Amino acid sequence: MSRLGRVEFELKAISADGIPHALEKAERYRLLNDPEQAESICRDILAVDGDNQDALRVMVLALTDQFQTSHRTVREARQYIVALADAYDRAYFTGIVFEREARAFLERSAVQSAAYDGFRQAMDWYEKAEAQRPPGNVDAMLRWNSCVRTIEREKLEPADDERELPLE
């Protein structure tokens, strides 16, 4: 027991042979809109196999699923992206982080120029990912189009100081 009367618990490590099953569970919890549970499972996987690329991808997605309710996950999601081995994945998931952050900001704030900036940054990263995409993978283009449609639907614009000045 600690000084405050709280009991300290020790986390149980999963076995390496349990990783595929745990990964399936993490993906399922994300689909069930329980990103906290998916995040917890990914932490267990990464404690055993810190370079597990599938767990890193699911972790980034689980963290970005929480952007509407938590600011702490933005920085953390970006930290997991650095561990992704593939340049395409790093660019694509960086775009995902910017896009989901912009969507969360759009829901929470009346300052729409910040959301616009986030979508534009996401689009820049999606362009980088598109240039490195595996054959047949159109994910970055689909996300780019989604950003464009949101900017148009919400009538988002850059801050006044970012707009082009007319030529004299």
C-alpha atoms as a PDB file:
ATOM      1  CA  MET A   1       0.000   0.000   0.000  1.00  0.00           C
ATOM      2  CA  SER A   2       1.113   3.527  -0.677  1.00  0.00           C
ATOM      3  CA  ARG A   3       1.191   6.306   1.902  1.00  0.00           C
ATOM      4  CA  LEU A   4      -2.220   7.501   0.750  1.00  0.00           C
ATOM      5  CA  GLY A   5      -3.797   4.114   1.339  1.00  0.00           C
ATOM      6  CA  ARG A   6      -4.004   3.303  -2.353  1.00  0.00           C
ATOM      7  CA  VAL A   7      -3.079  -0.151  -3.545  1.00  0.00           C
ATOM      8  CA  GLU A   8      -0.379  -0.300  -6.222  1.00  0.00           C
ATOM      9  CA  PHE A   9      -1.012  -2.811  -8.988  1.00  0.00           C
ATOM     10  CA  GLU A  10       1.490  -4.358 -11.352  1.00  0.00           C
ATOM     11  CA  LEU A  11       0.569  -4.752 -15.010  1.00  0.00           C
ATOM     12  CA  LYS A  12       0.574  -8.278 -16.397  1.00  0.00           C
ATOM     13  CA  ALA A  13       2.704  -8.848 -19.477  1.00  0.00           C
ATOM     14  CA  ILE A  14       1.155 -10.672 -22.396  1.00  0.00           C
ATOM     15  CA  SER A  15       3.116 -13.399 -24.150  1.00  0.00           C
ATOM     16  CA  ALA A  16       4.621 -12.870 -27.587  1.00  0.00           C
ATOM     17  CA  ASP A  17       2.414 -15.620 -29.004  1.00  0.00           C
ATOM     18  CA  GLY A  18      -0.651 -13.681 -27.781  1.00  0.00           C
ATOM     19  CA  ILE A  19       0.154 -10.613 -29.867  1.00  0.00           C
ATOM     20  CA  PRO A  20      -1.903 -11.588 -32.961  1.00  0.00           C
ATOM     21  CA  HIS A  21      -4.986 -12.220 -30.809  1.00  0.00           C
ATOM     22  CA  ALA A  22      -4.441  -8.997 -28.850  1.00  0.00           C
ATOM     23  CA  LEU A  23      -4.049  -7.038 -32.086  1.00  0.00           C
ATOM     24  CA  GLU A  24      -7.372  -8.408 -33.352  1.00  0.00           C
ATOM     25  CA  LYS A  25      -8.971  -7.301 -30.087  1.00  0.00           C
ATOM     26  CA  ALA A  26      -7.473  -3.811 -30.372  1.00  0.00           C
ATOM     27  CA  GLU A  27      -8.832  -3.410 -33.894  1.00  0.00           C
ATOM     28  CA  ARG A  28     -12.235  -4.701 -32.785  1.00  0.00           C
ATOM     29  CA  TYR A  29     -12.399  -2.256 -29.873  1.00  0.00           C
ATOM     30  CA  ARG A  30     -11.603   0.609 -32.260  1.00  0.00           C
ATOM     31  CA  LEU A  31     -14.483  -0.485 -34.480  1.00  0.00           C
ATOM     32  CA  LEU A  32     -16.734  -0.651 -31.408  1.00  0.00           C
ATOM     33  CA  ASN A  33     -15.847   2.987 -30.662  1.00  0.00           C
ATOM     34  CA  ASP A  34     -13.873   2.097 -27.543  1.00  0.00           C
ATOM     35  CA  PRO A  35     -10.502   3.686 -28.367  1.00  0.00           C
ATOM     36  CA  GLU A  36      -9.346   3.690 -24.732  1.00  0.00           C
ATOM     37  CA  GLN A  37      -9.526  -0.112 -24.655  1.00  0.00           C
ATOM     38  CA  ALA A  38      -7.762  -0.345 -28.021  1.00  0.00           C
ATOM     39  CA  GLU A  39      -5.047   1.980 -26.713  1.00  0.00           C
ATOM     40  CA  SER A  40      -4.596  -0.143 -23.583  1.00  0.00           C
ATOM     41  CA  ILE A  41      -4.218  -3.311 -25.637  1.00  0.00           C
ATOM     42  CA  CYS A  42      -1.695  -1.637 -27.952  1.00  0.00           C
ATOM     43  CA  ARG A  43       0.317  -0.584 -24.899  1.00  0.00           C
ATOM     44  CA  ASP A  44       0.397  -4.232 -23.813  1.00  0.00           C
ATOM     45  CA  ILE A  45       1.561  -5.349 -27.269  1.00  0.00           C
ATOM     46  CA  LEU A  46       4.206  -2.630 -27.502  1.00  0.00           C
ATOM     47  CA  ALA A  47       5.515  -3.528 -24.034  1.00  0.00           C
ATOM     48  CA  VAL A  48       6.395  -6.955 -25.464  1.00  0.00           C
ATOM     49  CA  ASP A  49       7.257  -5.920 -29.037  1.00  0.00           C
ATOM     50  CA  GLY A  50       8.020  -2.209 -29.197  1.00  0.00           C
ATOM     51  CA  ASP A  51       8.575  -2.306 -32.963  1.00  0.00           C
ATOM     52  CA  ASN A  52       5.309  -4.055 -33.839  1.00  0.00           C
ATOM     53  CA  GLN A  53       4.221  -1.991 -36.853  1.00  0.00           C
ATOM     54  CA  ASP A  54       0.588  -3.117 -36.760  1.00  0.00           C
ATOM     55  CA  ALA A  55       0.298  -2.181 -33.079  1.00  0.00           C
ATOM     56  CA  LEU A  56       1.935   1.192 -33.746  1.00  0.00           C
ATOM     57  CA  ARG A  57      -0.578   1.934 -36.521  1.00  0.00           C
ATOM     58  CA  VAL A  58      -3.556   0.894 -34.389  1.00  0.00           C
ATOM     59  CA  MET A  59      -2.159   2.909 -31.469  1.00  0.00           C
ATOM     60  CA  VAL A  60      -1.981   6.068 -33.588  1.00  0.00           C
ATOM     61  CA  LEU A  61      -5.544   5.511 -34.775  1.00  0.00           C
ATOM     62  CA  ALA A  62      -6.814   4.752 -31.252  1.00  0.00           C
ATOM     63  CA  LEU A  63      -5.197   7.931 -29.952  1.00  0.00           C
ATOM     64  CA  THR A  64      -6.590  10.031 -32.796  1.00  0.00           C
ATOM     65  CA  ASP A  65     -10.030   8.538 -32.118  1.00  0.00           C
ATOM     66  CA  GLN A  66      -9.811  10.351 -28.770  1.00  0.00           C
ATOM     67  CA  PHE A  67      -8.992  13.815 -30.125  1.00  0.00           C
ATOM     68  CA  GLN A  68     -12.560  15.010 -29.548  1.00  0.00           C
ATOM     69  CA  THR A  69     -12.218  14.385 -25.813  1.00  0.00           C
ATOM     70  CA  SER A  70      -8.508  14.680 -24.996  1.00  0.00           C
ATOM     71  CA  HIS A  71      -5.697  17.036 -25.970  1.00  0.00           C
ATOM     72  CA  ARG A  72      -2.947  14.871 -24.471  1.00  0.00           C
ATOM     73  CA  THR A  73      -3.174  12.300 -27.240  1.00  0.00           C
ATOM     74  CA  VAL A  74      -2.109  14.646 -30.090  1.00  0.00           C
ATOM     75  CA  ARG A  75       1.521  14.855 -29.015  1.00  0.00           C
ATOM     76  CA  GLU A  76       1.604  11.197 -28.058  1.00  0.00           C
ATOM     77  CA  ALA A  77       0.174  10.070 -31.409  1.00  0.00           C
ATOM     78  CA  ARG A  78       2.933  11.960 -33.204  1.00  0.00           C
ATOM     79  CA  GLN A  79       5.542  10.228 -31.030  1.00  0.00           C
ATOM     80  CA  TYR A  80       4.341   6.789 -32.147  1.00  0.00           C
ATOM     81  CA  ILE A  81       4.524   7.828 -35.806  1.00  0.00           C
ATOM     82  CA  VAL A  82       8.294   8.293 -35.469  1.00  0.00           C
ATOM     83  CA  ALA A  83       8.595   4.560 -34.696  1.00  0.00           C
ATOM     84  CA  LEU A  84       6.922   3.547 -37.963  1.00  0.00           C
ATOM     85  CA  ALA A  85       9.535   1.997 -40.241  1.00  0.00           C
ATOM     86  CA  ASP A  86       7.927   2.863 -43.583  1.00  0.00           C
ATOM     87  CA  ALA A  87       8.211   6.398 -44.999  1.00  0.00           C
ATOM     88  CA  TYR A  88       4.743   6.104 -46.556  1.00  0.00           C
ATOM     89  CA  ASP A  89       3.234   5.162 -43.181  1.00  0.00           C
ATOM     90  CA  ARG A  90       4.980   8.052 -41.445  1.00  0.00           C
ATOM     91  CA  ALA A  91       3.642  10.551 -43.993  1.00  0.00           C
ATOM     92  CA  TYR A  92       0.148   9.038 -44.148  1.00  0.00           C
ATOM     93  CA  PHE A  93      -0.323   8.774 -40.382  1.00  0.00           C
ATOM     94  CA  THR A  94       1.050  12.278 -39.847  1.00  0.00           C
ATOM     95  CA  GLY A  95      -1.680  13.419 -42.232  1.00  0.00           C
ATOM     96  CA  ILE A  96      -4.236  11.433 -40.219  1.00  0.00           C
ATOM     97  CA  VAL A  97      -3.125  13.163 -37.006  1.00  0.00           C
ATOM     98  CA  PHE A  98      -3.419  16.643 -38.554  1.00  0.00           C
ATOM     99  CA  GLU A  99      -6.773  15.845 -40.161  1.00  0.00           C
ATOM    100  CA  ARG A 100      -8.339  14.357 -37.040  1.00  0.00           C
ATOM    101  CA  GLU A 101      -6.975  17.179 -34.919  1.00  0.00           C
ATOM    102  CA  ALA A 102      -8.558  19.666 -37.356  1.00  0.00           C
ATOM    103  CA  ARG A 103     -11.877  17.813 -37.247  1.00  0.00           C
ATOM    104  CA  ALA A 104     -11.836  17.839 -33.445  1.00  0.00           C
ATOM    105  CA  PHE A 105     -10.957  21.529 -33.444  1.00  0.00           C
ATOM    106  CA  LEU A 106     -13.781  22.242 -35.865  1.00  0.00           C
ATOM    107  CA  GLU A 107     -16.227  20.551 -33.475  1.00  0.00           C
ATOM    108  CA  ARG A 108     -14.963  22.428 -30.415  1.00  0.00           C
ATOM    109  CA  SER A 109     -14.210  25.905 -31.688  1.00  0.00           C
ATOM    110  CA  ALA A 110     -15.599  28.806 -33.606  1.00  0.00           C
ATOM    111  CA  VAL A 111     -12.117  29.722 -34.889  1.00  0.00           C
ATOM    112  CA  GLN A 112     -12.383  27.943 -38.192  1.00  0.00           C
ATOM    113  CA  SER A 113      -9.132  29.255 -39.652  1.00  0.00           C
ATOM    114  CA  ALA A 114      -7.264  26.923 -37.281  1.00  0.00           C
ATOM    115  CA  ALA A 115      -9.257  23.982 -38.632  1.00  0.00           C
ATOM    116  CA  TYR A 116      -8.474  25.131 -42.165  1.00  0.00           C
ATOM    117  CA  ASP A 117      -4.762  25.189 -41.320  1.00  0.00           C
ATOM    118  CA  GLY A 118      -4.962  21.678 -39.895  1.00  0.00           C
ATOM    119  CA  PHE A 119      -6.684  20.335 -42.984  1.00  0.00           C
ATOM    120  CA  ARG A 120      -4.100  22.014 -45.234  1.00  0.00           C
ATOM    121  CA  GLN A 121      -1.248  20.484 -43.224  1.00  0.00           C
ATOM    122  CA  ALA A 122      -2.945  17.090 -43.463  1.00  0.00           C
ATOM    123  CA  MET A 123      -3.272  17.536 -47.213  1.00  0.00           C
ATOM    124  CA  ASP A 124       0.442  18.366 -47.497  1.00  0.00           C
ATOM    125  CA  TRP A 125       1.281  15.118 -45.680  1.00  0.00           C
ATOM    126  CA  TYR A 126      -1.165  13.147 -47.834  1.00  0.00           C
ATOM    127  CA  GLU A 127       0.620  14.476 -50.926  1.00  0.00           C
ATOM    128  CA  LYS A 128       3.942  13.250 -49.488  1.00  0.00           C
ATOM    129  CA  ALA A 129       2.366   9.864 -48.776  1.00  0.00           C
ATOM    130  CA  GLU A 130       0.846   9.687 -52.263  1.00  0.00           C
ATOM    131  CA  ALA A 131       4.295  10.145 -53.812  1.00  0.00           C
ATOM    132  CA  GLN A 132       5.501   7.062 -51.882  1.00  0.00           C
ATOM    133  CA  ARG A 133       2.377   4.927 -51.976  1.00  0.00           C
ATOM    134  CA  PRO A 134       2.460   1.217 -52.685  1.00  0.00           C
ATOM    135  CA  PRO A 135       0.829   0.180 -55.971  1.00  0.00           C
ATOM    136  CA  GLY A 136      -2.956   0.146 -55.691  1.00  0.00           C
ATOM    137  CA  ASN A 137      -3.030   2.038 -52.385  1.00  0.00           C
ATOM    138  CA  VAL A 138      -5.275   5.085 -52.767  1.00  0.00           C
ATOM    139  CA  ASP A 139      -5.749   5.861 -49.048  1.00  0.00           C
ATOM    140  CA  ALA A 140      -3.844   9.158 -49.158  1.00  0.00           C
ATOM    141  CA  MET A 141      -5.911  10.377 -52.112  1.00  0.00           C
ATOM    142  CA  LEU A 142      -9.161   9.407 -50.393  1.00  0.00           C
ATOM    143  CA  ARG A 143      -8.135  11.322 -47.262  1.00  0.00           C
ATOM    144  CA  TRP A 144      -7.041  14.334 -49.382  1.00  0.00           C
ATOM    145  CA  ASN A 145     -10.481  14.386 -51.038  1.00  0.00           C
ATOM    146  CA  SER A 146     -12.190  14.140 -47.656  1.00  0.00           C
ATOM    147  CA  CYS A 147     -10.249  17.187 -46.441  1.00  0.00           C
ATOM    148  CA  VAL A 148     -11.172  19.157 -49.569  1.00  0.00           C
ATOM    149  CA  ARG A 149     -14.838  18.285 -49.169  1.00  0.00           C
ATOM    150  CA  THR A 150     -14.819  19.315 -45.511  1.00  0.00           C
ATOM    151  CA  ILE A 151     -13.122  22.637 -46.307  1.00  0.00           C
ATOM    152  CA  GLU A 152     -15.740  23.301 -48.985  1.00  0.00           C
ATOM    153  CA  ARG A 153     -18.744  22.093 -46.960  1.00  0.00           C
ATOM    154  CA  GLU A 154     -17.754  24.086 -43.862  1.00  0.00           C
ATOM    155  CA  LYS A 155     -16.653  27.060 -45.998  1.00  0.00           C
ATOM    156  CA  LEU A 156     -13.320  27.128 -44.179  1.00  0.00           C
ATOM    157  CA  GLU A 157     -10.799  29.798 -45.081  1.00  0.00           C
ATOM    158  CA  PRO A 158      -7.294  30.673 -43.978  1.00  0.00           C
ATOM    159  CA  ALA A 159      -6.773  33.426 -41.447  1.00  0.00           C
ATOM    160  CA  ASP A 160      -6.934  36.894 -42.987  1.00  0.00           C
ATOM    161  CA  ASP A 161      -3.164  37.335 -42.848  1.00  0.00           C
ATOM    162  CA  GLU A 162      -2.672  34.154 -44.942  1.00  0.00           C
ATOM    163  CA  ARG A 163      -4.864  35.132 -47.887  1.00  0.00           C
ATOM    164  CA  GLU A 164      -3.162  36.249 -51.038  1.00  0.00           C
ATOM    165  CA  LEU A 165      -3.157  39.974 -51.565  1.00  0.00           C
ATOM    166  CA  PRO A 166      -4.522  41.179 -54.902  1.00  0.00           C
ATOM    167  CA  LEU A 167      -2.009  42.396 -57.437  1.00  0.00           C
ATOM    168  CA  GLU A 168      -2.034  46.132 -58.012  1.00  0.00           C
END
